[in-house]
């Protein structure tokens, strides 16, 4: 009986695993577990970043100075933005504005 309970627990744990095994691309920022990953990034001017919502909650990618806003990014969807100007950007999720973990800082050179 203990053996069956052990197998059942393993099956439950493995079925609860989030996400997939796809490696993160160089120009991708994942929204996962209610945080941006990575949280700090430096890119070249003209780079297009893809923000992928790997979480089960809705998120946004919103510029703190109003430069752009993704709108709602549902789970499994993404948003792309090309950074054409050399500048520093502070982005946050407007669905979770008080969560300091849900911020990303991008420097464009």
C-alpha atoms as a PDB file:
ATOM      1  CA  UNK A   1       0.000   0.000   0.000  1.00  0.00           C
ATOM      2  CA  UNK A   2       2.837   2.408   0.839  1.00  0.00           C
ATOM      3  CA  UNK A   3       4.276   1.720  -2.607  1.00  0.00           C
ATOM      4  CA  UNK A   4       1.012   2.778  -4.313  1.00  0.00           C
ATOM      5  CA  UNK A   5       0.830   5.977  -2.256  1.00  0.00           C
ATOM      6  CA  UNK A   6       4.435   6.760  -3.187  1.00  0.00           C
ATOM      7  CA  UNK A   7       3.736   6.290  -6.917  1.00  0.00           C
ATOM      8  CA  UNK A   8       0.546   8.371  -6.642  1.00  0.00           C
ATOM      9  CA  UNK A   9       2.495  11.236  -5.007  1.00  0.00           C
ATOM     10  CA  UNK A  10       5.131  11.171  -7.743  1.00  0.00           C
ATOM     11  CA  UNK A  11       2.467  11.264 -10.456  1.00  0.00           C
ATOM     12  CA  UNK A  12       0.727  14.216  -8.783  1.00  0.00           C
ATOM     13  CA  UNK A  13       3.988  16.154  -8.392  1.00  0.00           C
ATOM     14  CA  UNK A  14       5.011  15.569 -12.003  1.00  0.00           C
ATOM     15  CA  UNK A  15       1.582  16.552 -13.326  1.00  0.00           C
ATOM     16  CA  UNK A  16       1.753  19.871 -11.445  1.00  0.00           C
ATOM     17  CA  UNK A  17       5.024  20.888 -13.080  1.00  0.00           C
ATOM     18  CA  UNK A  18       4.622  24.267 -14.821  1.00  0.00           C
ATOM     19  CA  UNK A  19       5.977  25.268 -18.173  1.00  0.00           C
ATOM     20  CA  UNK A  20       7.792  23.371 -20.822  1.00  0.00           C
ATOM     21  CA  UNK A  21      11.395  22.411 -21.350  1.00  0.00           C
ATOM     22  CA  UNK A  22      12.015  24.928 -24.133  1.00  0.00           C
ATOM     23  CA  UNK A  23      15.202  26.894 -23.406  1.00  0.00           C
ATOM     24  CA  UNK A  24      14.888  30.654 -23.136  1.00  0.00           C
ATOM     25  CA  UNK A  25      16.132  32.564 -26.193  1.00  0.00           C
ATOM     26  CA  UNK A  26      18.682  35.379 -26.025  1.00  0.00           C
ATOM     27  CA  UNK A  27      16.134  38.052 -26.963  1.00  0.00           C
ATOM     28  CA  UNK A  28      13.318  36.733 -24.785  1.00  0.00           C
ATOM     29  CA  UNK A  29      12.020  37.893 -21.450  1.00  0.00           C
ATOM     30  CA  UNK A  30       9.707  35.456 -19.734  1.00  0.00           C
ATOM     31  CA  UNK A  31       6.890  36.449 -17.427  1.00  0.00           C
ATOM     32  CA  UNK A  32       6.940  33.479 -15.090  1.00  0.00           C
ATOM     33  CA  UNK A  33       5.839  33.045 -11.476  1.00  0.00           C
ATOM     34  CA  UNK A  34       4.729  36.702 -11.467  1.00  0.00           C
ATOM     35  CA  UNK A  35       8.186  38.070 -12.278  1.00  0.00           C
ATOM     36  CA  UNK A  36      10.215  39.041 -15.319  1.00  0.00           C
ATOM     37  CA  UNK A  37      13.142  36.799 -16.210  1.00  0.00           C
ATOM     38  CA  UNK A  38      15.719  38.224 -16.586  1.00  0.00           C
ATOM     39  CA  UNK A  39      15.132  41.393 -14.579  1.00  0.00           C
ATOM     40  CA  UNK A  40      18.088  43.358 -15.994  1.00  0.00           C
ATOM     41  CA  UNK A  41      19.242  43.211 -19.610  1.00  0.00           C
ATOM     42  CA  UNK A  42      21.488  45.198 -21.953  1.00  0.00           C
ATOM     43  CA  UNK A  43      20.766  45.027 -25.682  1.00  0.00           C
ATOM     44  CA  UNK A  44      21.903  46.683 -28.913  1.00  0.00           C
ATOM     45  CA  UNK A  45      19.845  49.394 -30.580  1.00  0.00           C
ATOM     46  CA  UNK A  46      17.393  47.833 -33.038  1.00  0.00           C
ATOM     47  CA  UNK A  47      16.929  44.634 -31.025  1.00  0.00           C
ATOM     48  CA  UNK A  48      13.440  43.174 -30.851  1.00  0.00           C
ATOM     49  CA  UNK A  49      12.634  41.604 -27.509  1.00  0.00           C
ATOM     50  CA  UNK A  50       9.903  39.029 -27.155  1.00  0.00           C
ATOM     51  CA  UNK A  51       8.052  39.048 -23.848  1.00  0.00           C
ATOM     52  CA  UNK A  52       6.442  35.628 -23.324  1.00  0.00           C
ATOM     53  CA  UNK A  53       3.817  35.007 -20.650  1.00  0.00           C
ATOM     54  CA  UNK A  54       4.704  31.608 -19.200  1.00  0.00           C
ATOM     55  CA  UNK A  55       2.628  32.272 -16.093  1.00  0.00           C
ATOM     56  CA  UNK A  56      -0.997  31.355 -15.446  1.00  0.00           C
ATOM     57  CA  UNK A  57      -1.969  35.009 -14.753  1.00  0.00           C
ATOM     58  CA  UNK A  58      -2.478  37.907 -17.157  1.00  0.00           C
ATOM     59  CA  UNK A  59       0.402  40.374 -17.399  1.00  0.00           C
ATOM     60  CA  UNK A  60       1.471  43.463 -19.305  1.00  0.00           C
ATOM     61  CA  UNK A  61       4.756  45.024 -20.342  1.00  0.00           C
ATOM     62  CA  UNK A  62       4.296  48.694 -19.564  1.00  0.00           C
ATOM     63  CA  UNK A  63       6.872  51.464 -19.813  1.00  0.00           C
ATOM     64  CA  UNK A  64       7.097  53.558 -16.650  1.00  0.00           C
ATOM     65  CA  UNK A  65       7.340  56.742 -18.801  1.00  0.00           C
ATOM     66  CA  UNK A  66       4.558  55.855 -21.248  1.00  0.00           C
ATOM     67  CA  UNK A  67       6.809  54.870 -24.179  1.00  0.00           C
ATOM     68  CA  UNK A  68       4.687  51.760 -24.884  1.00  0.00           C
ATOM     69  CA  UNK A  69       2.246  49.310 -23.342  1.00  0.00           C
ATOM     70  CA  UNK A  70       1.605  45.748 -24.467  1.00  0.00           C
ATOM     71  CA  UNK A  71      -1.970  45.585 -23.262  1.00  0.00           C
ATOM     72  CA  UNK A  72      -3.113  42.316 -21.701  1.00  0.00           C
ATOM     73  CA  UNK A  73      -0.812  39.376 -22.395  1.00  0.00           C
ATOM     74  CA  UNK A  74      -2.731  36.218 -21.596  1.00  0.00           C
ATOM     75  CA  UNK A  75      -1.066  33.008 -20.477  1.00  0.00           C
ATOM     76  CA  UNK A  76       0.823  31.440 -23.399  1.00  0.00           C
ATOM     77  CA  UNK A  77       0.783  34.642 -25.489  1.00  0.00           C
ATOM     78  CA  UNK A  78       3.585  37.073 -26.190  1.00  0.00           C
ATOM     79  CA  UNK A  79       4.376  40.681 -27.063  1.00  0.00           C
ATOM     80  CA  UNK A  80       7.280  41.961 -29.159  1.00  0.00           C
ATOM     81  CA  UNK A  81       8.871  45.401 -29.063  1.00  0.00           C
ATOM     82  CA  UNK A  82      11.787  46.787 -31.070  1.00  0.00           C
ATOM     83  CA  UNK A  83      14.030  49.164 -29.130  1.00  0.00           C
ATOM     84  CA  UNK A  84      15.149  51.753 -31.679  1.00  0.00           C
ATOM     85  CA  UNK A  85      16.626  54.400 -29.384  1.00  0.00           C
ATOM     86  CA  UNK A  86      19.626  54.234 -27.096  1.00  0.00           C
ATOM     87  CA  UNK A  87      18.074  54.703 -23.676  1.00  0.00           C
ATOM     88  CA  UNK A  88      17.249  53.012 -20.398  1.00  0.00           C
ATOM     89  CA  UNK A  89      13.789  51.578 -19.872  1.00  0.00           C
ATOM     90  CA  UNK A  90      12.014  50.628 -16.688  1.00  0.00           C
ATOM     91  CA  UNK A  91       9.091  48.308 -17.385  1.00  0.00           C
ATOM     92  CA  UNK A  92       6.476  46.882 -15.074  1.00  0.00           C
ATOM     93  CA  UNK A  93       3.292  44.821 -15.130  1.00  0.00           C
ATOM     94  CA  UNK A  94       0.252  47.070 -14.708  1.00  0.00           C
ATOM     95  CA  UNK A  95      -1.746  44.107 -13.378  1.00  0.00           C
ATOM     96  CA  UNK A  96       0.668  43.823 -10.450  1.00  0.00           C
ATOM     97  CA  UNK A  97       2.120  47.362 -10.056  1.00  0.00           C
ATOM     98  CA  UNK A  98       2.953  46.959  -6.354  1.00  0.00           C
ATOM     99  CA  UNK A  99       5.031  43.821  -6.945  1.00  0.00           C
ATOM    100  CA  UNK A 100       8.632  45.074  -7.191  1.00  0.00           C
ATOM    101  CA  UNK A 101       9.663  41.654  -8.493  1.00  0.00           C
ATOM    102  CA  UNK A 102       7.567  42.336 -11.579  1.00  0.00           C
ATOM    103  CA  UNK A 103       9.879  44.936 -13.035  1.00  0.00           C
ATOM    104  CA  UNK A 104      12.532  44.735 -15.714  1.00  0.00           C
ATOM    105  CA  UNK A 105      15.295  47.211 -16.521  1.00  0.00           C
ATOM    106  CA  UNK A 106      16.567  47.396 -20.100  1.00  0.00           C
ATOM    107  CA  UNK A 107      19.551  49.385 -21.311  1.00  0.00           C
ATOM    108  CA  UNK A 108      19.798  49.935 -25.058  1.00  0.00           C
ATOM    109  CA  UNK A 109      23.253  50.825 -26.408  1.00  0.00           C
END
